[in-house]
Amino acid sequence: MKPEPKKKLPNKKVISSAKFEAKEQFTKSALENLKTENERLVNSLKKSGEIKESKKRTELQN
C-alpha cells in the first residue's frame, strides 16, 4: 500500500497577499461606512438647528 499523496498547500506569499487584500478591502469599506454615517449625522444636526454650516465649509464644497 502506498501512502496517500499530500495535498499541495498554496505558497505562503499567496496566502499573506490574500489576507492583506481582505484587510485592505475591509478597511476601505469601514472607512466609507464611517464617512457616510458622519455625513448623515452632520446633516441631521443641521436640520435640527444644533449646528450651523460655516461659510468656509460651503465655499470648499462648491
PDB file of N, CA and C in Angstrom:
ATOM      1  N   MET A   1       0.839  -1.194   0.000  1.00  0.00           N
ATOM      2  CA  MET A   1       0.000   0.000   0.000  1.00  0.00           C
ATOM      3  C   MET A   1       0.873   1.244   0.000  1.00  0.00           C
ATOM      4  N   LYS A   2       0.508   2.130  -0.879  1.00  0.00           N
ATOM      5  CA  LYS A   2       1.225   3.404  -0.936  1.00  0.00           C
ATOM      6  C   LYS A   2       0.511   4.417  -0.051  1.00  0.00           C
ATOM      7  N   PRO A   3       1.270   5.265   0.638  1.00  0.00           N
ATOM      8  CA  PRO A   3       0.598   6.315   1.428  1.00  0.00           C
ATOM      9  C   PRO A   3      -0.084   7.317   0.498  1.00  0.00           C
ATOM     10  N   GLU A   4      -1.174   7.894   0.993  1.00  0.00           N
ATOM     11  CA  GLU A   4      -1.902   8.869   0.177  1.00  0.00           C
ATOM     12  C   GLU A   4      -1.031  10.090  -0.068  1.00  0.00           C
ATOM     13  N   PRO A   5      -1.049  10.626  -1.279  1.00  0.00           N
ATOM     14  CA  PRO A   5      -0.236  11.816  -1.546  1.00  0.00           C
ATOM     15  C   PRO A   5      -0.773  13.018  -0.761  1.00  0.00           C
ATOM     16  N   LYS A   6       0.160  13.816  -0.294  1.00  0.00           N
ATOM     17  CA  LYS A   6      -0.242  15.006   0.466  1.00  0.00           C
ATOM     18  C   LYS A   6      -0.784  16.061  -0.487  1.00  0.00           C
ATOM     19  N   LYS A   7      -1.778  16.786  -0.005  1.00  0.00           N
ATOM     20  CA  LYS A   7      -2.319  17.882  -0.814  1.00  0.00           C
ATOM     21  C   LYS A   7      -1.321  19.022  -0.805  1.00  0.00           C
ATOM     22  N   LYS A   8      -1.149  19.624  -1.949  1.00  0.00           N
ATOM     23  CA  LYS A   8      -0.212  20.743  -2.054  1.00  0.00           C
ATOM     24  C   LYS A   8      -0.881  22.004  -1.524  1.00  0.00           C
ATOM     25  N   LEU A   9      -0.233  22.646  -0.581  1.00  0.00           N
ATOM     26  CA  LEU A   9      -0.765  23.874   0.009  1.00  0.00           C
ATOM     27  C   LEU A   9      -0.294  25.071  -0.790  1.00  0.00           C
ATOM     28  N   PRO A  10      -1.063  26.155  -0.789  1.00  0.00           N
ATOM     29  CA  PRO A  10      -0.638  27.360  -1.519  1.00  0.00           C
ATOM     30  C   PRO A  10       0.617  27.976  -0.895  1.00  0.00           C
ATOM     31  N   ASN A  11       1.305  28.704  -1.711  1.00  0.00           N
ATOM     32  CA  ASN A  11       2.519  29.398  -1.301  1.00  0.00           C
ATOM     33  C   ASN A  11       2.201  30.387  -0.175  1.00  0.00           C
ATOM     34  N   LYS A  12       3.108  30.543   0.774  1.00  0.00           N
ATOM     35  CA  LYS A  12       2.885  31.472   1.894  1.00  0.00           C
ATOM     36  C   LYS A  12       2.685  32.899   1.396  1.00  0.00           C
ATOM     37  N   LYS A  13       3.383  33.283   0.336  1.00  0.00           N
ATOM     38  CA  LYS A  13       3.238  34.644  -0.192  1.00  0.00           C
ATOM     39  C   LYS A  13       1.821  34.863  -0.713  1.00  0.00           C
ATOM     40  N   VAL A  14       1.265  33.855  -1.341  1.00  0.00           N
ATOM     41  CA  VAL A  14      -0.103  33.956  -1.858  1.00  0.00           C
ATOM     42  C   VAL A  14      -1.084  34.114  -0.704  1.00  0.00           C
ATOM     43  N   ILE A  15      -0.884  33.328   0.336  1.00  0.00           N
ATOM     44  CA  ILE A  15      -1.775  33.407   1.500  1.00  0.00           C
ATOM     45  C   ILE A  15      -1.692  34.780   2.146  1.00  0.00           C
ATOM     46  N   SER A  16      -0.482  35.272   2.369  1.00  0.00           N
ATOM     47  CA  SER A  16      -0.341  36.565   3.037  1.00  0.00           C
ATOM     48  C   SER A  16      -0.864  37.702   2.173  1.00  0.00           C
ATOM     49  N   SER A  17      -0.695  37.621   0.847  1.00  0.00           N
ATOM     50  CA  SER A  17      -1.227  38.685  -0.008  1.00  0.00           C
ATOM     51  C   SER A  17      -2.755  38.664  -0.013  1.00  0.00           C
ATOM     52  N   ALA A  18      -3.345  37.469   0.055  1.00  0.00           N
ATOM     53  CA  ALA A  18      -4.808  37.373   0.114  1.00  0.00           C
ATOM     54  C   ALA A  18      -5.322  37.952   1.425  1.00  0.00           C
ATOM     55  N   LYS A  19      -4.614  37.679   2.520  1.00  0.00           N
ATOM     56  CA  LYS A  19      -5.010  38.250   3.811  1.00  0.00           C
ATOM     57  C   LYS A  19      -4.905  39.763   3.769  1.00  0.00           C
ATOM     58  N   PHE A  20      -3.824  40.266   3.173  1.00  0.00           N
ATOM     59  CA  PHE A  20      -3.645  41.710   3.064  1.00  0.00           C
ATOM     60  C   PHE A  20      -4.774  42.323   2.252  1.00  0.00           C
ATOM     61  N   GLU A  21      -5.117  41.687   1.138  1.00  0.00           N
ATOM     62  CA  GLU A  21      -6.213  42.177   0.291  1.00  0.00           C
ATOM     63  C   GLU A  21      -7.516  42.239   1.076  1.00  0.00           C
ATOM     64  N   ALA A  22      -7.788  41.210   1.840  1.00  0.00           N
ATOM     65  CA  ALA A  22      -9.030  41.165   2.622  1.00  0.00           C
ATOM     66  C   ALA A  22      -9.048  42.269   3.672  1.00  0.00           C
ATOM     67  N   LYS A  23      -7.918  42.461   4.350  1.00  0.00           N
ATOM     68  CA  LYS A  23      -7.845  43.520   5.365  1.00  0.00           C
ATOM     69  C   LYS A  23      -8.007  44.891   4.726  1.00  0.00           C
ATOM     70  N   GLU A  24      -7.349  45.092   3.588  1.00  0.00           N
ATOM     71  CA  GLU A  24      -7.424  46.379   2.907  1.00  0.00           C
ATOM     72  C   GLU A  24      -8.854  46.659   2.451  1.00  0.00           C
ATOM     73  N   GLN A  25      -9.507  45.650   1.901  1.00  0.00           N
ATOM     74  CA  GLN A  25     -10.882  45.818   1.442  1.00  0.00           C
ATOM     75  C   GLN A  25     -11.809  46.126   2.613  1.00  0.00           C
ATOM     76  N   PHE A  26     -11.618  45.430   3.738  1.00  0.00           N
ATOM     77  CA  PHE A  26     -12.425  45.682   4.915  1.00  0.00           C
ATOM     78  C   PHE A  26     -12.204  47.097   5.423  1.00  0.00           C
ATOM     79  N   THR A  27     -10.949  47.551   5.436  1.00  0.00           N
ATOM     80  CA  THR A  27     -10.621  48.889   5.917  1.00  0.00           C
ATOM     81  C   THR A  27     -11.274  49.954   5.045  1.00  0.00           C
ATOM     82  N   LYS A  28     -11.205  49.773   3.727  1.00  0.00           N
ATOM     83  CA  LYS A  28     -11.826  50.737   2.817  1.00  0.00           C
ATOM     84  C   LYS A  28     -13.335  50.777   3.010  1.00  0.00           C
ATOM     85  N   SER A  29     -13.937  49.615   3.171  1.00  0.00           N
ATOM     86  CA  SER A  29     -15.375  49.536   3.374  1.00  0.00           C
ATOM     87  C   SER A  29     -15.773  50.210   4.691  1.00  0.00           C
ATOM     88  N   ALA A  30     -15.005  49.938   5.741  1.00  0.00           N
ATOM     89  CA  ALA A  30     -15.291  50.537   7.047  1.00  0.00           C
ATOM     90  C   ALA A  30     -15.155  52.061   6.979  1.00  0.00           C
ATOM     91  N   LEU A  31     -14.148  52.539   6.267  1.00  0.00           N
ATOM     92  CA  LEU A  31     -13.940  53.984   6.128  1.00  0.00           C
ATOM     93  C   LEU A  31     -15.101  54.631   5.381  1.00  0.00           C
ATOM     94  N   GLU A  32     -15.550  53.999   4.318  1.00  0.00           N
ATOM     95  CA  GLU A  32     -16.693  54.522   3.568  1.00  0.00           C
ATOM     96  C   GLU A  32     -17.945  54.562   4.457  1.00  0.00           C
ATOM     97  N   ASN A  33     -18.149  53.523   5.242  1.00  0.00           N
ATOM     98  CA  ASN A  33     -19.300  53.492   6.146  1.00  0.00           C
ATOM     99  C   ASN A  33     -19.223  54.615   7.176  1.00  0.00           C
ATOM    100  N   LEU A  34     -18.030  54.872   7.700  1.00  0.00           N
ATOM    101  CA  LEU A  34     -17.861  55.952   8.674  1.00  0.00           C
ATOM    102  C   LEU A  34     -18.116  57.315   8.042  1.00  0.00           C
ATOM    103  N   LYS A  35     -17.638  57.511   6.826  1.00  0.00           N
ATOM    104  CA  LYS A  35     -17.869  58.784   6.131  1.00  0.00           C
ATOM    105  C   LYS A  35     -19.360  59.014   5.908  1.00  0.00           C
ATOM    106  N   THR A  36     -20.040  57.972   5.469  1.00  0.00           N
ATOM    107  CA  THR A  36     -21.480  58.076   5.218  1.00  0.00           C
ATOM    108  C   THR A  36     -22.236  58.385   6.504  1.00  0.00           C
ATOM    109  N   GLU A  37     -21.879  57.684   7.569  1.00  0.00           N
ATOM    110  CA  GLU A  37     -22.533  57.902   8.865  1.00  0.00           C
ATOM    111  C   GLU A  37     -22.275  59.320   9.367  1.00  0.00           C
ATOM    112  N   ASN A  38     -21.038  59.798   9.189  1.00  0.00           N
ATOM    113  CA  ASN A  38     -20.686  61.145   9.619  1.00  0.00           C
ATOM    114  C   ASN A  38     -21.508  62.189   8.859  1.00  0.00           C
ATOM    115  N   GLU A  39     -21.612  62.030   7.554  1.00  0.00           N
ATOM    116  CA  GLU A  39     -22.407  62.967   6.744  1.00  0.00           C
ATOM    117  C   GLU A  39     -23.872  62.953   7.180  1.00  0.00           C
ATOM    118  N   ARG A  40     -24.392  61.766   7.451  1.00  0.00           N
ATOM    119  CA  ARG A  40     -25.786  61.643   7.875  1.00  0.00           C
ATOM    120  C   ARG A  40     -26.010  62.354   9.210  1.00  0.00           C
ATOM    121  N   LEU A  41     -25.086  62.172  10.143  1.00  0.00           N
ATOM    122  CA  LEU A  41     -25.210  62.817  11.450  1.00  0.00           C
ATOM    123  C   LEU A  41     -25.108  64.333  11.340  1.00  0.00           C
ATOM    124  N   VAL A  42     -24.167  64.821  10.541  1.00  0.00           N
ATOM    125  CA  VAL A  42     -23.999  66.265  10.371  1.00  0.00           C
ATOM    126  C   VAL A  42     -25.242  66.866   9.743  1.00  0.00           C
ATOM    127  N   ASN A  43     -25.769  66.211   8.713  1.00  0.00           N
ATOM    128  CA  ASN A  43     -26.986  66.708   8.068  1.00  0.00           C
ATOM    129  C   ASN A  43     -28.162  66.720   9.033  1.00  0.00           C
ATOM    130  N   SER A  44     -28.252  65.714   9.860  1.00  0.00           N
ATOM    131  CA  SER A  44     -29.324  65.651  10.852  1.00  0.00           C
ATOM    132  C   SER A  44     -29.202  66.796  11.860  1.00  0.00           C
ATOM    133  N   LEU A  45     -27.972  67.064  12.300  1.00  0.00           N
ATOM    134  CA  LEU A  45     -27.754  68.164  13.251  1.00  0.00           C
ATOM    135  C   LEU A  45     -28.038  69.520  12.617  1.00  0.00           C
ATOM    136  N   LYS A  46     -27.725  69.660  11.339  1.00  0.00           N
ATOM    137  CA  LYS A  46     -28.013  70.916  10.645  1.00  0.00           C
ATOM    138  C   LYS A  46     -29.519  71.148  10.551  1.00  0.00           C
ATOM    139  N   LYS A  47     -30.248  70.086  10.200  1.00  0.00           N
ATOM    140  CA  LYS A  47     -31.703  70.206  10.064  1.00  0.00           C
ATOM    141  C   LYS A  47     -32.357  70.558  11.394  1.00  0.00           C
ATOM    142  N   SER A  48     -31.824  70.029  12.476  1.00  0.00           N
ATOM    143  CA  SER A  48     -32.409  70.288  13.789  1.00  0.00           C
ATOM    144  C   SER A  48     -31.980  71.641  14.351  1.00  0.00           C
ATOM    145  N   GLY A  49     -30.990  72.278  13.714  1.00  0.00           N
ATOM    146  CA  GLY A  49     -30.540  73.578  14.170  1.00  0.00           C
ATOM    147  C   GLY A  49     -29.473  73.505  15.249  1.00  0.00           C
ATOM    148  N   GLU A  50     -28.982  72.329  15.530  1.00  0.00           N
ATOM    149  CA  GLU A  50     -27.944  72.161  16.556  1.00  0.00           C
ATOM    150  C   GLU A  50     -26.620  72.786  16.111  1.00  0.00           C
ATOM    151  N   ILE A  51     -26.318  72.679  14.820  1.00  0.00           N
ATOM    152  CA  ILE A  51     -25.089  73.293  14.298  1.00  0.00           C
ATOM    153  C   ILE A  51     -25.449  74.113  13.070  1.00  0.00           C
ATOM    154  N   LYS A  52     -24.627  75.088  12.802  1.00  0.00           N
ATOM    155  CA  LYS A  52     -24.811  75.920  11.615  1.00  0.00           C
ATOM    156  C   LYS A  52     -23.642  75.688  10.685  1.00  0.00           C
ATOM    157  N   GLU A  53     -23.923  75.698   9.383  1.00  0.00           N
ATOM    158  CA  GLU A  53     -22.884  75.475   8.385  1.00  0.00           C
ATOM    159  C   GLU A  53     -22.040  76.738   8.260  1.00  0.00           C
ATOM    160  N   SER A  54     -20.730  76.566   8.305  1.00  0.00           N
ATOM    161  CA  SER A  54     -19.847  77.726   8.188  1.00  0.00           C
ATOM    162  C   SER A  54     -19.673  78.107   6.722  1.00  0.00           C
ATOM    163  N   LYS A  55     -19.325  79.372   6.496  1.00  0.00           N
ATOM    164  CA  LYS A  55     -19.138  79.859   5.128  1.00  0.00           C
ATOM    165  C   LYS A  55     -17.947  79.183   4.464  1.00  0.00           C
ATOM    166  N   LYS A  56     -16.862  78.981   5.217  1.00  0.00           N
ATOM    167  CA  LYS A  56     -15.677  78.342   4.655  1.00  0.00           C
ATOM    168  C   LYS A  56     -15.998  76.940   4.160  1.00  0.00           C
ATOM    169  N   ARG A  57     -16.748  76.192   4.911  1.00  0.00           N
ATOM    170  CA  ARG A  57     -17.110  74.823   4.540  1.00  0.00           C
ATOM    171  C   ARG A  57     -17.929  74.825   3.263  1.00  0.00           C
ATOM    172  N   THR A  58     -18.852  75.774   3.131  1.00  0.00           N
ATOM    173  CA  THR A  58     -19.700  75.874   1.956  1.00  0.00           C
ATOM    174  C   THR A  58     -18.860  76.201   0.720  1.00  0.00           C
ATOM    175  N   GLU A  59     -17.916  77.126   0.877  1.00  0.00           N
ATOM    176  CA  GLU A  59     -17.065  77.513  -0.248  1.00  0.00           C
ATOM    177  C   GLU A  59     -16.187  76.366  -0.698  1.00  0.00           C
ATOM    178  N   LEU A  60     -15.708  75.549   0.232  1.00  0.00           N
ATOM    179  CA  LEU A  60     -14.846  74.429  -0.114  1.00  0.00           C
ATOM    180  C   LEU A  60     -15.613  73.355  -0.868  1.00  0.00           C
ATOM    181  N   GLN A  61     -16.882  73.154  -0.542  1.00  0.00           N
ATOM    182  CA  GLN A  61     -17.669  72.122  -1.191  1.00  0.00           C
ATOM    183  C   GLN A  61     -18.038  72.528  -2.613  1.00  0.00           C
ATOM    184  N   ASN A  62     -18.155  73.807  -2.897  1.00  0.00           N
ATOM    185  CA  ASN A  62     -18.515  74.263  -4.251  1.00  0.00           C
ATOM    186  C   ASN A  62     -17.315  74.373  -5.071  1.00  0.00           C
TER     187      ASN A  62
END
